[in-house]
Structures are given as C-alpha cells and as structure tokens.
Amino acid sequence: MPTDPFCGEIHLFGFDFAPVDWTYCRGAPFNEGQNPSLYSLIGASYGHWAKDPKNEIVLLPDLTSRSAVGVGVKHTAKTHEVEVPPGKFGGSEEATLKVATIPPHSHQAIFSGEPAKNASMRVSQNLATVVVPSEGDYLAVPRSNTFFQNATYAFGPMPEEGAAVGGVSGGVASFTGKVDVHDAGLEPPVGFPIRNPYLAMNICIALKGAYPDRN
C-alpha cells in the first residue's frame, strides 16, 4: 500500500482530528479552485449550494451518522430496479408504524353491565274462571266438578300476592351494558430506532494525494 493516499480516498481514523491534507466527511463546502484534483474526481456528486449557476458551492461527502453503501442498480424482491448513484442519500434512523405497516392484531375488549338478579316463580291462588285466555289473563287454580271445571285461567291482571312454586328458581341477566375496547399505543405515534448497532469513528477524505488512474 503506498504511503500517500489517493486524492479523494476516504479513511476511518481512531483519533479525533483530521490529519494534514485530509478533512472531515461532514458535508462541509470546499473550494474547487484550491482543490482542483479533488473537484475533478467527485465534482458535485455529494451535494452543492447554488444561489445562481455562477456561484455553485460544492459539498464534501457527509457521513455524519450514516453508513456507506455500494453504487449501482439494485434489484428488489418485486423486480423493481433502484438506481444508486454516487452521493445519493437514503434511509432513516427511525420509523413510525402506520395502519398499512402493522400486522393483524387484536385489542382487549371488556363487557360491563348489571349483575344477574335472582328470581322465583309465583302462581296465583285464585280459582280459574277462563277456559280460553286473552291477553293479560293468568294461570289460576283449576276447579273440579263445577261449571268451570275446564277453566285453567283467571281474568287479568294477576294480583301481587301468590304462592311460591317449590323447587323452581332462576336468574335474569341484564341486557344493558357496554363493551369497552382498550386503546393501545401513543398519540401522536412516536418513532422508534431501526439502525444497526454502531461505533462512532472519525471519517476523513484526502484533499491531496496521488491522482488515481482509470482502468
């Protein structure tokens, strides 16, 4: 490996300063007039400011909190082609889940209503007088050997007093209530980090050095 780097070569350094003839890869502007070799190699690939075409300010690569990827054409799983030219920015340090990006899931639902009530069955002790009941009539005590022997009902309404039927009990559950679906997550949604584990180091680019020959 030659002692002198190539002009435009990028290195990682374990110390916290830029060596002589090197500078940080932090997206700072550089003077192409003072660095013609570097400008001829990278041009404005890594960004520029242009207030007008005659006053273009070229930027150095910015690798602050970023990782480098290879240039070329990427073929995705859906056979789409994604061109990745030198200097293209992409990716994100965090993401926020949306309805279209979350998997199927369920939420806790709780029903709240009135508690069940015990009930007992009571019958009237009145004598029956009706054979064919009408609306509101009630079961009564049948008669025997009388004109009303076929009657099993009495005219309504049923009186409040009556006898409890032994061995018969039950409950009536309330049909009133509500179902609460508990909310989940935060509002507004908060992004979460998606970057790989990292180690911060000093990344610099050579302003001067051997001019690389093309193949």
C-alpha atoms as a PDB file:
ATOM      1  CA  MET A   1       0.000   0.000   0.000  1.00  0.00           C
ATOM      2  CA  PRO A   2       1.506   3.389  -0.989  1.00  0.00           C
ATOM      3  CA  THR A   3       2.360   5.879   1.713  1.00  0.00           C
ATOM      4  CA  ASP A   4       0.459   8.666   0.013  1.00  0.00           C
ATOM      5  CA  PRO A   5      -3.305   8.122  -0.328  1.00  0.00           C
ATOM      6  CA  PHE A   6      -5.242   8.660  -3.481  1.00  0.00           C
ATOM      7  CA  CYS A   7      -6.855  12.060  -3.755  1.00  0.00           C
ATOM      8  CA  GLY A   8     -10.483  11.602  -2.713  1.00  0.00           C
ATOM      9  CA  GLU A   9      -9.742   8.468  -0.693  1.00  0.00           C
ATOM     10  CA  ILE A  10     -11.853   8.078   2.457  1.00  0.00           C
ATOM     11  CA  HIS A  11     -10.486   6.528   5.656  1.00  0.00           C
ATOM     12  CA  LEU A  12     -11.573   5.761   9.188  1.00  0.00           C
ATOM     13  CA  PHE A  13      -9.332   7.123  11.937  1.00  0.00           C
ATOM     14  CA  GLY A  14      -9.243   6.216  15.595  1.00  0.00           C
ATOM     15  CA  PHE A  15      -8.146   9.704  16.675  1.00  0.00           C
ATOM     16  CA  ASP A  16     -10.413  12.743  16.850  1.00  0.00           C
ATOM     17  CA  PHE A  17      -8.753  15.121  14.353  1.00  0.00           C
ATOM     18  CA  ALA A  18      -8.221  15.328  10.597  1.00  0.00           C
ATOM     19  CA  PRO A  19      -4.614  14.738   9.521  1.00  0.00           C
ATOM     20  CA  VAL A  20      -2.753  17.198   7.303  1.00  0.00           C
ATOM     21  CA  ASP A  21      -4.220  17.318   3.771  1.00  0.00           C
ATOM     22  CA  TRP A  22      -7.314  15.475   4.993  1.00  0.00           C
ATOM     23  CA  THR A  23     -10.671  16.869   6.100  1.00  0.00           C
ATOM     24  CA  TYR A  24     -13.805  15.558   7.770  1.00  0.00           C
ATOM     25  CA  CYS A  25     -16.595  13.903   5.782  1.00  0.00           C
ATOM     26  CA  ARG A  26     -19.283  16.088   7.297  1.00  0.00           C
ATOM     27  CA  GLY A  27     -20.832  17.717   4.268  1.00  0.00           C
ATOM     28  CA  ALA A  28     -18.859  20.957   4.534  1.00  0.00           C
ATOM     29  CA  PRO A  29     -18.306  23.132   1.428  1.00  0.00           C
ATOM     30  CA  PHE A  30     -14.878  23.066  -0.227  1.00  0.00           C
ATOM     31  CA  ASN A  31     -13.175  25.376  -2.657  1.00  0.00           C
ATOM     32  CA  GLU A  32     -12.784  23.643  -6.008  1.00  0.00           C
ATOM     33  CA  GLY A  33     -10.266  26.309  -7.051  1.00  0.00           C
ATOM     34  CA  GLN A  34      -7.967  25.301  -4.205  1.00  0.00           C
ATOM     35  CA  ASN A  35      -8.654  21.581  -4.665  1.00  0.00           C
ATOM     36  CA  PRO A  36      -8.887  21.070  -8.443  1.00  0.00           C
ATOM     37  CA  SER A  37      -7.850  17.420  -8.335  1.00  0.00           C
ATOM     38  CA  LEU A  38     -10.486  16.529  -5.771  1.00  0.00           C
ATOM     39  CA  TYR A  39     -13.137  18.504  -7.643  1.00  0.00           C
ATOM     40  CA  SER A  40     -12.278  16.721 -10.900  1.00  0.00           C
ATOM     41  CA  LEU A  41     -12.831  13.396  -9.138  1.00  0.00           C
ATOM     42  CA  ILE A  42     -16.024  13.944  -7.138  1.00  0.00           C
ATOM     43  CA  GLY A  43     -17.466  17.122  -8.637  1.00  0.00           C
ATOM     44  CA  ALA A  44     -20.831  17.968  -7.083  1.00  0.00           C
ATOM     45  CA  SER A  45     -21.809  14.324  -6.561  1.00  0.00           C
ATOM     46  CA  TYR A  46     -22.268  14.833  -2.823  1.00  0.00           C
ATOM     47  CA  GLY A  47     -24.345  17.995  -2.975  1.00  0.00           C
ATOM     48  CA  HIS A  48     -23.966  21.681  -3.624  1.00  0.00           C
ATOM     49  CA  TRP A  49     -25.435  25.064  -2.872  1.00  0.00           C
ATOM     50  CA  ALA A  50     -26.368  27.111  -5.870  1.00  0.00           C
ATOM     51  CA  LYS A  51     -27.675  30.607  -5.342  1.00  0.00           C
ATOM     52  CA  ASP A  52     -27.083  31.061  -9.050  1.00  0.00           C
ATOM     53  CA  PRO A  53     -25.298  28.946 -11.720  1.00  0.00           C
ATOM     54  CA  LYS A  54     -22.179  31.087 -11.477  1.00  0.00           C
ATOM     55  CA  ASN A  55     -21.796  30.732  -7.709  1.00  0.00           C
ATOM     56  CA  GLU A  56     -22.069  26.998  -7.082  1.00  0.00           C
ATOM     57  CA  ILE A  57     -20.673  25.831  -3.728  1.00  0.00           C
ATOM     58  CA  VAL A  58     -19.682  22.157  -3.811  1.00  0.00           C
ATOM     59  CA  LEU A  59     -20.031  19.981  -0.704  1.00  0.00           C
ATOM     60  CA  LEU A  60     -17.884  17.194   0.633  1.00  0.00           C
ATOM     61  CA  PRO A  61     -19.403  13.778   1.414  1.00  0.00           C
ATOM     62  CA  ASP A  62     -21.473  13.772   4.616  1.00  0.00           C
ATOM     63  CA  LEU A  63     -21.072  10.534   6.570  1.00  0.00           C
ATOM     64  CA  THR A  64     -22.264  12.003   9.861  1.00  0.00           C
ATOM     65  CA  SER A  65     -24.418   9.309  11.456  1.00  0.00           C
ATOM     66  CA  ARG A  66     -24.540   7.447   8.140  1.00  0.00           C
ATOM     67  CA  SER A  67     -23.169   4.264   6.627  1.00  0.00           C
ATOM     68  CA  ALA A  68     -21.842   3.866   3.091  1.00  0.00           C
ATOM     69  CA  VAL A  69     -23.394   1.527   0.505  1.00  0.00           C
ATOM     70  CA  GLY A  70     -22.170   0.399  -2.891  1.00  0.00           C
ATOM     71  CA  VAL A  71     -23.251   2.255  -6.025  1.00  0.00           C
ATOM     72  CA  GLY A  72     -25.061   0.575  -8.892  1.00  0.00           C
ATOM     73  CA  VAL A  73     -28.514  -0.778  -9.692  1.00  0.00           C
ATOM     74  CA  LYS A  74     -30.330  -2.747  -7.018  1.00  0.00           C
ATOM     75  CA  HIS A  75     -32.856  -5.415  -7.989  1.00  0.00           C
ATOM     76  CA  THR A  76     -35.542  -5.688  -5.322  1.00  0.00           C
ATOM     77  CA  ALA A  77     -37.742  -8.663  -4.468  1.00  0.00           C
ATOM     78  CA  LYS A  78     -40.514  -7.179  -6.613  1.00  0.00           C
ATOM     79  CA  THR A  79     -38.151  -6.997  -9.631  1.00  0.00           C
ATOM     80  CA  HIS A  80     -38.037  -3.207  -9.382  1.00  0.00           C
ATOM     81  CA  GLU A  81     -34.737  -1.606 -10.269  1.00  0.00           C
ATOM     82  CA  VAL A  82     -33.438   1.078  -7.913  1.00  0.00           C
ATOM     83  CA  GLU A  83     -30.529   3.133  -9.180  1.00  0.00           C
ATOM     84  CA  VAL A  84     -27.989   4.101  -6.504  1.00  0.00           C
ATOM     85  CA  PRO A  85     -25.627   6.714  -7.970  1.00  0.00           C
ATOM     86  CA  PRO A  86     -22.679   8.198  -6.050  1.00  0.00           C
ATOM     87  CA  GLY A  87     -23.833  10.720  -3.475  1.00  0.00           C
ATOM     88  CA  LYS A  88     -27.429   9.512  -3.190  1.00  0.00           C
ATOM     89  CA  PHE A  89     -28.920   9.851   0.285  1.00  0.00           C
ATOM     90  CA  GLY A  90     -31.442   7.365   1.613  1.00  0.00           C
ATOM     91  CA  GLY A  91     -32.757   5.503   4.610  1.00  0.00           C
ATOM     92  CA  SER A  92     -33.906   6.651   8.007  1.00  0.00           C
ATOM     93  CA  GLU A  93     -32.689   6.373  11.593  1.00  0.00           C
ATOM     94  CA  GLU A  94     -36.183   5.712  12.921  1.00  0.00           C
ATOM     95  CA  ALA A  95     -39.611   4.604  11.733  1.00  0.00           C
ATOM     96  CA  THR A  96     -43.226   5.073  12.774  1.00  0.00           C
ATOM     97  CA  LEU A  97     -45.754   2.269  12.373  1.00  0.00           C
ATOM     98  CA  LYS A  98     -48.905   3.067  10.404  1.00  0.00           C
ATOM     99  CA  VAL A  99     -52.091   1.118   9.766  1.00  0.00           C
ATOM    100  CA  ALA A 100     -50.726  -0.148   6.455  1.00  0.00           C
ATOM    101  CA  THR A 101     -47.485  -1.423   8.029  1.00  0.00           C
ATOM    102  CA  ILE A 102     -48.675  -3.236  11.164  1.00  0.00           C
ATOM    103  CA  PRO A 103     -49.547  -6.950  11.237  1.00  0.00           C
ATOM    104  CA  PRO A 104     -53.026  -8.247  12.132  1.00  0.00           C
ATOM    105  CA  HIS A 105     -53.655  -7.985  15.860  1.00  0.00           C
ATOM    106  CA  SER A 106     -56.421  -7.745  18.442  1.00  0.00           C
ATOM    107  CA  HIS A 107     -57.318  -5.408  21.285  1.00  0.00           C
ATOM    108  CA  GLN A 108     -58.684  -6.245  24.712  1.00  0.00           C
ATOM    109  CA  ALA A 109     -62.478  -5.847  24.916  1.00  0.00           C
ATOM    110  CA  ILE A 110     -64.286  -5.814  28.279  1.00  0.00           C
ATOM    111  CA  PHE A 111     -68.076  -6.019  28.737  1.00  0.00           C
ATOM    112  CA  SER A 112     -69.560  -4.224  31.713  1.00  0.00           C
ATOM    113  CA  GLY A 113     -73.248  -4.473  32.699  1.00  0.00           C
ATOM    114  CA  GLU A 114     -75.687  -5.050  35.517  1.00  0.00           C
ATOM    115  CA  PRO A 115     -75.132  -8.187  37.632  1.00  0.00           C
ATOM    116  CA  ALA A 116     -77.544 -11.092  37.336  1.00  0.00           C
ATOM    117  CA  LYS A 117     -80.613 -10.977  39.557  1.00  0.00           C
ATOM    118  CA  ASN A 118     -82.214 -13.985  41.284  1.00  0.00           C
ATOM    119  CA  ALA A 119     -85.892 -14.625  40.618  1.00  0.00           C
ATOM    120  CA  SER A 120     -88.549 -17.014  41.906  1.00  0.00           C
ATOM    121  CA  MET A 121     -91.779 -18.144  40.262  1.00  0.00           C
ATOM    122  CA  ARG A 122     -95.101 -17.428  41.961  1.00  0.00           C
ATOM    123  CA  VAL A 123     -98.620 -18.512  40.995  1.00  0.00           C
ATOM    124  CA  SER A 124    -101.997 -17.138  41.898  1.00  0.00           C
ATOM    125  CA  GLN A 125    -104.228 -18.879  44.456  1.00  0.00           C
ATOM    126  CA  ASN A 126    -107.375 -17.563  42.792  1.00  0.00           C
ATOM    127  CA  LEU A 127    -109.839 -20.018  41.263  1.00  0.00           C
ATOM    128  CA  ALA A 128    -109.836 -20.355  37.491  1.00  0.00           C
ATOM    129  CA  THR A 129    -112.762 -18.903  35.547  1.00  0.00           C
ATOM    130  CA  VAL A 130    -111.493 -18.770  31.935  1.00  0.00           C
ATOM    131  CA  VAL A 131    -111.031 -21.654  29.502  1.00  0.00           C
ATOM    132  CA  VAL A 132    -109.513 -19.722  26.586  1.00  0.00           C
ATOM    133  CA  PRO A 133    -107.231 -16.977  27.861  1.00  0.00           C
ATOM    134  CA  SER A 134    -106.997 -13.480  26.493  1.00  0.00           C
ATOM    135  CA  GLU A 135    -104.060 -11.136  26.735  1.00  0.00           C
ATOM    136  CA  GLY A 136    -103.265 -10.385  30.356  1.00  0.00           C
ATOM    137  CA  ASP A 137    -105.018 -13.449  31.824  1.00  0.00           C
ATOM    138  CA  TYR A 138    -103.005 -15.675  34.134  1.00  0.00           C
ATOM    139  CA  LEU A 139    -102.804 -19.273  35.334  1.00  0.00           C
ATOM    140  CA  ALA A 140    -105.090 -19.967  38.260  1.00  0.00           C
ATOM    141  CA  VAL A 141    -106.259 -22.888  40.421  1.00  0.00           C
ATOM    142  CA  PRO A 142    -108.376 -25.358  38.352  1.00  0.00           C
ATOM    143  CA  ARG A 143    -111.815 -26.413  39.626  1.00  0.00           C
ATOM    144  CA  SER A 144    -113.387 -29.827  39.571  1.00  0.00           C
ATOM    145  CA  ASN A 145    -116.992 -30.969  39.229  1.00  0.00           C
ATOM    146  CA  THR A 146    -118.196 -27.444  38.556  1.00  0.00           C
ATOM    147  CA  PHE A 147    -119.262 -25.355  35.617  1.00  0.00           C
ATOM    148  CA  PHE A 148    -115.715 -24.047  35.453  1.00  0.00           C
ATOM    149  CA  GLN A 149    -114.018 -27.474  35.614  1.00  0.00           C
ATOM    150  CA  ASN A 150    -112.277 -26.922  32.257  1.00  0.00           C
ATOM    151  CA  ALA A 151    -111.028 -23.481  33.185  1.00  0.00           C
ATOM    152  CA  THR A 152    -107.362 -23.026  33.973  1.00  0.00           C
ATOM    153  CA  TYR A 153    -107.036 -19.236  33.740  1.00  0.00           C
ATOM    154  CA  ALA A 154    -108.415 -16.227  35.508  1.00  0.00           C
ATOM    155  CA  PHE A 155    -109.053 -12.734  34.242  1.00  0.00           C
ATOM    156  CA  GLY A 156    -106.000 -10.471  34.483  1.00  0.00           C
ATOM    157  CA  PRO A 157    -104.211  -8.669  35.826  1.00  0.00           C
ATOM    158  CA  MET A 158    -102.685 -11.126  38.266  1.00  0.00           C
ATOM    159  CA  PRO A 159    -102.735  -9.915  41.852  1.00  0.00           C
ATOM    160  CA  GLU A 160     -99.455  -9.258  43.565  1.00  0.00           C
ATOM    161  CA  GLU A 161     -99.990 -11.876  46.255  1.00  0.00           C
ATOM    162  CA  GLY A 162     -99.389 -15.503  45.354  1.00  0.00           C
ATOM    163  CA  ALA A 163     -97.675 -18.701  46.379  1.00  0.00           C
ATOM    164  CA  ALA A 164     -94.096 -19.583  45.509  1.00  0.00           C
ATOM    165  CA  VAL A 165     -93.638 -22.715  43.414  1.00  0.00           C
ATOM    166  CA  GLY A 166     -91.336 -25.083  45.274  1.00  0.00           C
ATOM    167  CA  GLY A 167     -88.130 -26.223  43.574  1.00  0.00           C
ATOM    168  CA  VAL A 168     -88.343 -23.555  40.877  1.00  0.00           C
ATOM    169  CA  SER A 169     -85.818 -20.701  40.758  1.00  0.00           C
ATOM    170  CA  GLY A 170     -83.864 -18.821  38.186  1.00  0.00           C
ATOM    171  CA  GLY A 171     -81.992 -15.690  37.334  1.00  0.00           C
ATOM    172  CA  VAL A 172     -82.425 -12.828  34.971  1.00  0.00           C
ATOM    173  CA  ALA A 173     -79.275 -11.341  33.481  1.00  0.00           C
ATOM    174  CA  SER A 174     -79.329  -7.722  32.451  1.00  0.00           C
ATOM    175  CA  PHE A 175     -79.145  -6.967  28.737  1.00  0.00           C
ATOM    176  CA  THR A 176     -77.927  -3.456  29.341  1.00  0.00           C
ATOM    177  CA  GLY A 177     -74.235  -2.670  29.318  1.00  0.00           C
ATOM    178  CA  LYS A 178     -71.347  -1.671  27.086  1.00  0.00           C
ATOM    179  CA  VAL A 179     -68.205  -3.118  25.558  1.00  0.00           C
ATOM    180  CA  ASP A 180     -65.022  -1.115  26.068  1.00  0.00           C
ATOM    181  CA  VAL A 181     -62.176  -1.664  23.593  1.00  0.00           C
ATOM    182  CA  HIS A 182     -58.970  -0.549  25.257  1.00  0.00           C
ATOM    183  CA  ASP A 183     -56.722   1.784  23.283  1.00  0.00           C
ATOM    184  CA  ALA A 184     -53.139   0.809  22.631  1.00  0.00           C
ATOM    185  CA  GLY A 185     -50.127   2.847  21.603  1.00  0.00           C
ATOM    186  CA  LEU A 186     -49.372   6.537  21.871  1.00  0.00           C
ATOM    187  CA  GLU A 187     -50.991   9.555  20.256  1.00  0.00           C
ATOM    188  CA  PRO A 188     -49.335  11.037  18.333  1.00  0.00           C
ATOM    189  CA  PRO A 189     -47.279   7.962  17.378  1.00  0.00           C
ATOM    190  CA  VAL A 190     -43.642   8.017  18.391  1.00  0.00           C
ATOM    191  CA  GLY A 191     -40.878   6.792  16.102  1.00  0.00           C
ATOM    192  CA  PHE A 192     -38.553   4.021  17.202  1.00  0.00           C
ATOM    193  CA  PRO A 193     -34.897   3.487  16.160  1.00  0.00           C
ATOM    194  CA  ILE A 194     -34.241   0.987  13.363  1.00  0.00           C
ATOM    195  CA  ARG A 195     -30.491   1.436  12.850  1.00  0.00           C
ATOM    196  CA  ASN A 196     -27.978  -1.321  13.464  1.00  0.00           C
ATOM    197  CA  PRO A 197     -25.607  -1.209  16.433  1.00  0.00           C
ATOM    198  CA  TYR A 198     -22.847   1.277  15.659  1.00  0.00           C
ATOM    199  CA  LEU A 199     -19.453   2.602  16.742  1.00  0.00           C
ATOM    200  CA  ALA A 200     -18.700   6.265  16.010  1.00  0.00           C
ATOM    201  CA  MET A 201     -15.303   6.949  14.426  1.00  0.00           C
ATOM    202  CA  ASN A 202     -13.576   9.809  12.649  1.00  0.00           C
ATOM    203  CA  ILE A 203     -14.151   9.614   8.858  1.00  0.00           C
ATOM    204  CA  CYS A 204     -11.982  11.829   6.633  1.00  0.00           C
ATOM    205  CA  ILE A 205     -11.335  12.371   2.911  1.00  0.00           C
ATOM    206  CA  ALA A 206      -7.946  13.094   1.370  1.00  0.00           C
ATOM    207  CA  LEU A 207      -7.781  16.563  -0.173  1.00  0.00           C
ATOM    208  CA  LYS A 208      -4.422  15.803  -1.831  1.00  0.00           C
ATOM    209  CA  GLY A 209      -2.597  12.694  -2.909  1.00  0.00           C
ATOM    210  CA  ALA A 210      -1.880  10.526  -5.922  1.00  0.00           C
ATOM    211  CA  TYR A 211      -4.318  11.020  -8.751  1.00  0.00           C
ATOM    212  CA  PRO A 212      -5.961   7.626  -9.448  1.00  0.00           C
ATOM    213  CA  ASP A 213      -5.633   6.190 -12.952  1.00  0.00           C
ATOM    214  CA  ARG A 214      -8.769   4.798 -14.567  1.00  0.00           C
ATOM    215  CA  ASN A 215      -8.921   1.226 -15.816  1.00  0.00           C
END
